[in-house]
Amino acid sequence: MLHHWAGSCYCSTGGKEGMKNTDQTYIHQGEKAMYMPSYASNLMAQVKAKNPNEPEFHQAVHEVVESLSLVLERYPEYHTSRILERIVEPERVIMFRVPWTDDQGEIHVNRGSA
């Protein structure tokens, strides 16, 4: 499959890989191919490196980054403020149980989180 974009030629092998230019990246998502600026593609690489076994999370981040790509191009202050890096950092909740006995000898189990 051969793709042309902005005078550059991008080759694909099997629809899974794209070639990279210094300013942009051509990313293949199944049969759908799309343009993604290097900032967004670098962010996706960081997300995949930090969360390697979470393909659903990768897909969710990819969809958000794809939908915001034009906004990110128009407003470079979002890059410097690292807005997307803040959004895509998953929150983790630590949950634990606290078994205890009351004055009447009954056992209770409470749930705690941090």
N, C-alpha and C. Protein backbone atom coordinates (compact mmCIF):
# COMPACT_ATOMS: atom_id res chain seq x y z
N MET A 1 0.85 -1.16 0.00
CA MET A 1 0.00 0.00 0.00
C MET A 1 0.90 1.23 0.00
N LEU A 2 0.67 2.18 -0.89
CA LEU A 2 1.50 3.37 -1.01
C LEU A 2 0.64 4.59 -0.74
N HIS A 3 1.09 5.48 0.11
CA HIS A 3 0.33 6.67 0.47
C HIS A 3 1.15 7.92 0.15
N HIS A 4 0.48 8.97 -0.32
CA HIS A 4 1.13 10.25 -0.55
C HIS A 4 0.49 11.28 0.35
N TRP A 5 1.29 12.08 1.00
CA TRP A 5 0.76 13.13 1.85
C TRP A 5 1.74 14.29 1.85
N ALA A 6 1.28 15.47 1.52
CA ALA A 6 2.08 16.71 1.54
C ALA A 6 3.39 16.53 0.79
N GLY A 7 3.33 15.85 -0.34
CA GLY A 7 4.52 15.70 -1.16
C GLY A 7 5.46 14.62 -0.68
N SER A 8 5.17 13.99 0.42
CA SER A 8 6.01 12.93 0.93
C SER A 8 5.36 11.59 0.62
N CYS A 9 6.16 10.58 0.51
CA CYS A 9 5.64 9.26 0.20
C CYS A 9 5.77 8.38 1.43
N TYR A 10 4.69 7.76 1.82
CA TYR A 10 4.69 6.88 2.97
C TYR A 10 4.36 5.47 2.51
N CYS A 11 5.18 4.52 2.87
CA CYS A 11 4.94 3.14 2.50
C CYS A 11 4.45 2.38 3.71
N SER A 12 3.63 1.39 3.44
CA SER A 12 3.08 0.59 4.52
C SER A 12 3.25 -0.87 4.19
N THR A 13 3.56 -1.69 5.21
CA THR A 13 3.64 -3.12 5.01
C THR A 13 2.53 -3.76 5.82
N GLY A 14 1.52 -4.23 5.13
CA GLY A 14 0.44 -4.94 5.81
C GLY A 14 -0.50 -4.05 6.60
N GLY A 15 -0.39 -2.73 6.49
CA GLY A 15 -1.31 -1.85 7.18
C GLY A 15 -1.05 -1.71 8.66
N LYS A 16 0.09 -2.18 9.16
CA LYS A 16 0.34 -2.08 10.60
C LYS A 16 1.43 -1.07 10.94
N GLU A 17 2.28 -0.75 9.99
CA GLU A 17 3.37 0.16 10.29
C GLU A 17 3.26 1.39 9.40
N GLY A 18 3.79 2.49 9.83
CA GLY A 18 3.88 3.68 9.01
C GLY A 18 5.30 4.19 9.08
N MET A 19 5.68 5.01 8.12
CA MET A 19 7.01 5.61 8.17
C MET A 19 6.87 6.99 8.76
N LYS A 20 7.91 7.45 9.40
CA LYS A 20 7.86 8.68 10.16
C LYS A 20 8.67 9.77 9.47
N ASN A 21 8.13 10.97 9.45
CA ASN A 21 8.85 12.15 9.00
C ASN A 21 9.14 12.96 10.26
N THR A 22 9.93 14.04 10.16
CA THR A 22 10.26 14.81 11.37
C THR A 22 9.06 15.58 11.89
N ASP A 23 8.12 15.97 11.02
CA ASP A 23 6.99 16.78 11.44
C ASP A 23 5.71 16.00 11.69
N GLN A 24 5.55 14.90 11.03
CA GLN A 24 4.29 14.18 11.13
C GLN A 24 4.50 12.69 11.07
N THR A 25 3.49 11.97 11.47
CA THR A 25 3.53 10.52 11.43
C THR A 25 2.24 10.04 10.79
N TYR A 26 2.36 9.02 10.00
CA TYR A 26 1.19 8.41 9.36
C TYR A 26 0.96 7.11 10.09
N ILE A 27 -0.15 6.99 10.79
CA ILE A 27 -0.42 5.84 11.64
C ILE A 27 -1.55 5.02 11.04
N HIS A 28 -1.39 3.72 11.05
CA HIS A 28 -2.41 2.82 10.52
C HIS A 28 -3.15 2.17 11.67
N GLN A 29 -4.45 2.26 11.67
CA GLN A 29 -5.29 1.66 12.69
C GLN A 29 -6.21 0.69 11.97
N GLY A 30 -5.79 -0.58 11.87
CA GLY A 30 -6.57 -1.56 11.11
C GLY A 30 -6.56 -1.18 9.65
N GLU A 31 -7.71 -1.00 9.05
CA GLU A 31 -7.81 -0.60 7.66
C GLU A 31 -7.77 0.92 7.52
N LYS A 32 -7.97 1.63 8.61
CA LYS A 32 -8.04 3.08 8.58
C LYS A 32 -6.65 3.68 8.80
N ALA A 33 -6.24 4.56 7.93
CA ALA A 33 -4.95 5.23 8.09
C ALA A 33 -5.23 6.69 8.43
N MET A 34 -4.42 7.25 9.30
CA MET A 34 -4.64 8.63 9.70
C MET A 34 -3.33 9.35 9.95
N TYR A 35 -3.38 10.66 9.85
CA TYR A 35 -2.24 11.52 10.11
C TYR A 35 -2.24 11.89 11.58
N MET A 36 -1.06 11.84 12.22
CA MET A 36 -0.98 12.25 13.61
C MET A 36 0.32 13.03 13.79
N PRO A 37 0.25 14.26 14.30
CA PRO A 37 1.46 15.04 14.53
C PRO A 37 2.44 14.32 15.46
N SER A 38 3.70 14.69 15.36
CA SER A 38 4.72 13.99 16.14
C SER A 38 4.48 14.12 17.65
N TYR A 39 3.93 15.25 18.11
CA TYR A 39 3.64 15.41 19.54
C TYR A 39 2.68 14.31 20.00
N ALA A 40 1.63 14.10 19.23
CA ALA A 40 0.64 13.10 19.60
C ALA A 40 1.20 11.69 19.49
N SER A 41 1.99 11.43 18.46
CA SER A 41 2.56 10.09 18.32
C SER A 41 3.59 9.82 19.41
N ASN A 42 4.34 10.83 19.82
CA ASN A 42 5.26 10.67 20.95
C ASN A 42 4.50 10.40 22.25
N LEU A 43 3.38 11.08 22.42
CA LEU A 43 2.55 10.86 23.60
C LEU A 43 2.03 9.42 23.62
N MET A 44 1.58 8.93 22.46
CA MET A 44 1.08 7.56 22.39
C MET A 44 2.19 6.57 22.72
N ALA A 45 3.40 6.83 22.26
CA ALA A 45 4.52 5.95 22.57
C ALA A 45 4.80 5.93 24.07
N GLN A 46 4.71 7.09 24.72
CA GLN A 46 4.93 7.16 26.16
C GLN A 46 3.84 6.40 26.92
N VAL A 47 2.59 6.56 26.48
CA VAL A 47 1.47 5.87 27.14
C VAL A 47 1.65 4.36 27.02
N LYS A 48 2.03 3.89 25.84
CA LYS A 48 2.21 2.45 25.64
C LYS A 48 3.40 1.92 26.44
N ALA A 49 4.44 2.73 26.60
CA ALA A 49 5.60 2.30 27.39
C ALA A 49 5.25 2.23 28.88
N LYS A 50 4.46 3.19 29.38
CA LYS A 50 4.10 3.21 30.80
C LYS A 50 3.04 2.18 31.16
N ASN A 51 2.17 1.87 30.20
CA ASN A 51 1.03 0.97 30.45
C ASN A 51 1.03 -0.12 29.38
N PRO A 52 2.03 -1.00 29.37
CA PRO A 52 2.21 -1.92 28.24
C PRO A 52 1.12 -2.97 28.07
N ASN A 53 0.45 -3.38 29.10
CA ASN A 53 -0.53 -4.47 28.99
C ASN A 53 -1.96 -3.99 29.10
N GLU A 54 -2.24 -2.78 28.59
CA GLU A 54 -3.58 -2.22 28.70
C GLU A 54 -4.06 -1.72 27.33
N PRO A 55 -4.36 -2.65 26.40
CA PRO A 55 -4.74 -2.22 25.04
C PRO A 55 -6.02 -1.39 24.99
N GLU A 56 -6.95 -1.62 25.90
CA GLU A 56 -8.18 -0.82 25.91
C GLU A 56 -7.86 0.62 26.29
N PHE A 57 -6.93 0.79 27.24
CA PHE A 57 -6.50 2.14 27.62
C PHE A 57 -5.79 2.82 26.46
N HIS A 58 -4.94 2.08 25.74
CA HIS A 58 -4.25 2.64 24.57
C HIS A 58 -5.28 3.12 23.54
N GLN A 59 -6.30 2.31 23.30
CA GLN A 59 -7.33 2.68 22.33
C GLN A 59 -8.07 3.93 22.77
N ALA A 60 -8.41 4.02 24.03
CA ALA A 60 -9.13 5.19 24.54
C ALA A 60 -8.28 6.45 24.40
N VAL A 61 -7.01 6.36 24.78
CA VAL A 61 -6.12 7.51 24.65
C VAL A 61 -5.96 7.88 23.18
N HIS A 62 -5.80 6.90 22.32
CA HIS A 62 -5.65 7.15 20.89
C HIS A 62 -6.86 7.90 20.34
N GLU A 63 -8.06 7.51 20.73
CA GLU A 63 -9.26 8.17 20.25
C GLU A 63 -9.34 9.62 20.72
N VAL A 64 -8.96 9.87 21.97
CA VAL A 64 -8.97 11.23 22.49
C VAL A 64 -7.92 12.08 21.76
N VAL A 65 -6.72 11.54 21.62
CA VAL A 65 -5.64 12.29 20.95
C VAL A 65 -6.02 12.56 19.50
N GLU A 66 -6.59 11.58 18.83
CA GLU A 66 -7.01 11.76 17.44
C GLU A 66 -8.06 12.86 17.33
N SER A 67 -9.03 12.86 18.22
CA SER A 67 -10.09 13.86 18.15
C SER A 67 -9.58 15.27 18.48
N LEU A 68 -8.50 15.37 19.23
CA LEU A 68 -7.95 16.68 19.60
C LEU A 68 -6.77 17.12 18.74
N SER A 69 -6.43 16.36 17.71
CA SER A 69 -5.21 16.66 16.94
C SER A 69 -5.23 18.05 16.31
N LEU A 70 -6.36 18.50 15.76
CA LEU A 70 -6.42 19.84 15.17
C LEU A 70 -6.27 20.92 16.22
N VAL A 71 -6.88 20.72 17.37
CA VAL A 71 -6.76 21.69 18.46
C VAL A 71 -5.31 21.78 18.92
N LEU A 72 -4.65 20.64 19.03
CA LEU A 72 -3.25 20.62 19.46
C LEU A 72 -2.34 21.33 18.47
N GLU A 73 -2.66 21.23 17.19
CA GLU A 73 -1.86 21.92 16.18
C GLU A 73 -2.05 23.43 16.26
N ARG A 74 -3.27 23.85 16.53
CA ARG A 74 -3.58 25.29 16.54
C ARG A 74 -3.14 26.00 17.82
N TYR A 75 -3.07 25.27 18.92
CA TYR A 75 -2.75 25.89 20.20
C TYR A 75 -1.52 25.21 20.81
N PRO A 76 -0.33 25.67 20.47
CA PRO A 76 0.89 25.04 20.99
C PRO A 76 1.06 25.20 22.50
N GLU A 77 0.32 26.10 23.13
CA GLU A 77 0.43 26.24 24.58
C GLU A 77 -0.04 24.98 25.31
N TYR A 78 -0.88 24.17 24.65
CA TYR A 78 -1.27 22.90 25.26
C TYR A 78 -0.10 21.94 25.35
N HIS A 79 0.85 22.08 24.42
CA HIS A 79 2.06 21.25 24.47
C HIS A 79 2.90 21.66 25.67
N THR A 80 3.14 22.96 25.79
CA THR A 80 4.01 23.43 26.87
C THR A 80 3.37 23.25 28.25
N SER A 81 2.04 23.30 28.31
CA SER A 81 1.36 23.08 29.58
C SER A 81 1.19 21.60 29.91
N ARG A 82 1.53 20.76 28.95
CA ARG A 82 1.46 19.30 29.10
C ARG A 82 0.05 18.85 29.54
N ILE A 83 -0.95 19.43 28.86
CA ILE A 83 -2.34 19.13 29.17
C ILE A 83 -2.65 17.66 28.92
N LEU A 84 -2.27 17.14 27.76
CA LEU A 84 -2.58 15.74 27.46
C LEU A 84 -1.85 14.78 28.39
N GLU A 85 -0.63 15.10 28.75
CA GLU A 85 0.10 14.24 29.68
C GLU A 85 -0.63 14.13 31.01
N ARG A 86 -1.26 15.23 31.42
CA ARG A 86 -2.03 15.20 32.67
C ARG A 86 -3.31 14.39 32.52
N ILE A 87 -3.96 14.53 31.38
CA ILE A 87 -5.22 13.84 31.16
C ILE A 87 -5.02 12.33 31.06
N VAL A 88 -3.97 11.90 30.37
CA VAL A 88 -3.81 10.47 30.09
C VAL A 88 -3.13 9.69 31.19
N GLU A 89 -2.72 10.34 32.26
CA GLU A 89 -2.15 9.60 33.38
C GLU A 89 -3.29 8.97 34.16
N PRO A 90 -3.39 7.64 34.17
CA PRO A 90 -4.53 7.02 34.84
C PRO A 90 -4.46 7.18 36.35
N GLU A 91 -5.61 7.37 36.95
CA GLU A 91 -5.67 7.44 38.40
C GLU A 91 -5.76 6.03 38.94
N ARG A 92 -5.04 5.78 39.97
CA ARG A 92 -5.05 4.46 40.60
C ARG A 92 -5.66 4.61 41.99
N VAL A 93 -6.50 3.67 42.35
CA VAL A 93 -7.13 3.67 43.67
C VAL A 93 -6.69 2.40 44.37
N ILE A 94 -6.18 2.56 45.56
CA ILE A 94 -5.80 1.42 46.37
C ILE A 94 -6.94 1.15 47.33
N MET A 95 -7.51 -0.04 47.24
CA MET A 95 -8.60 -0.42 48.13
C MET A 95 -8.12 -1.52 49.06
N PHE A 96 -8.61 -1.49 50.28
CA PHE A 96 -8.24 -2.51 51.25
C PHE A 96 -9.42 -2.76 52.19
N ARG A 97 -9.37 -3.87 52.89
CA ARG A 97 -10.45 -4.19 53.83
C ARG A 97 -9.90 -4.08 55.26
N VAL A 98 -10.81 -3.73 56.14
CA VAL A 98 -10.46 -3.60 57.55
C VAL A 98 -11.44 -4.44 58.37
N PRO A 99 -11.03 -5.66 58.71
CA PRO A 99 -11.90 -6.47 59.58
C PRO A 99 -11.71 -6.02 61.03
N TRP A 100 -12.80 -5.94 61.77
CA TRP A 100 -12.72 -5.55 63.17
C TRP A 100 -13.87 -6.16 63.96
N THR A 101 -13.71 -6.18 65.25
CA THR A 101 -14.71 -6.75 66.16
C THR A 101 -15.25 -5.64 67.05
N ASP A 102 -16.57 -5.56 67.14
CA ASP A 102 -17.16 -4.52 67.99
C ASP A 102 -17.24 -5.00 69.44
N ASP A 103 -17.78 -4.15 70.33
CA ASP A 103 -17.85 -4.46 71.76
C ASP A 103 -18.72 -5.67 72.08
N GLN A 104 -19.64 -6.01 71.18
CA GLN A 104 -20.50 -7.17 71.40
C GLN A 104 -19.91 -8.44 70.81
N GLY A 105 -18.71 -8.37 70.26
CA GLY A 105 -18.03 -9.53 69.70
C GLY A 105 -18.41 -9.86 68.26
N GLU A 106 -19.16 -8.97 67.61
CA GLU A 106 -19.53 -9.21 66.21
C GLU A 106 -18.40 -8.72 65.30
N ILE A 107 -18.15 -9.52 64.29
CA ILE A 107 -17.09 -9.17 63.34
C ILE A 107 -17.69 -8.34 62.21
N HIS A 108 -17.01 -7.27 61.88
CA HIS A 108 -17.41 -6.37 60.77
C HIS A 108 -16.23 -6.28 59.80
N VAL A 109 -16.57 -5.98 58.56
CA VAL A 109 -15.53 -5.73 57.56
C VAL A 109 -15.87 -4.41 56.87
N ASN A 110 -14.97 -3.48 56.97
CA ASN A 110 -15.13 -2.19 56.30
C ASN A 110 -14.16 -2.13 55.12
N ARG A 111 -14.51 -1.30 54.19
CA ARG A 111 -13.67 -1.11 53.02
C ARG A 111 -13.01 0.26 53.12
N GLY A 112 -11.74 0.30 52.85
CA GLY A 112 -11.02 1.56 52.87
C GLY A 112 -10.34 1.80 51.53
N SER A 113 -9.98 3.03 51.28
CA SER A 113 -9.25 3.35 50.04
C SER A 113 -8.30 4.51 50.29
N ALA A 114 -7.28 4.54 49.49
CA ALA A 114 -6.29 5.61 49.59
C ALA A 114 -6.00 6.17 48.24
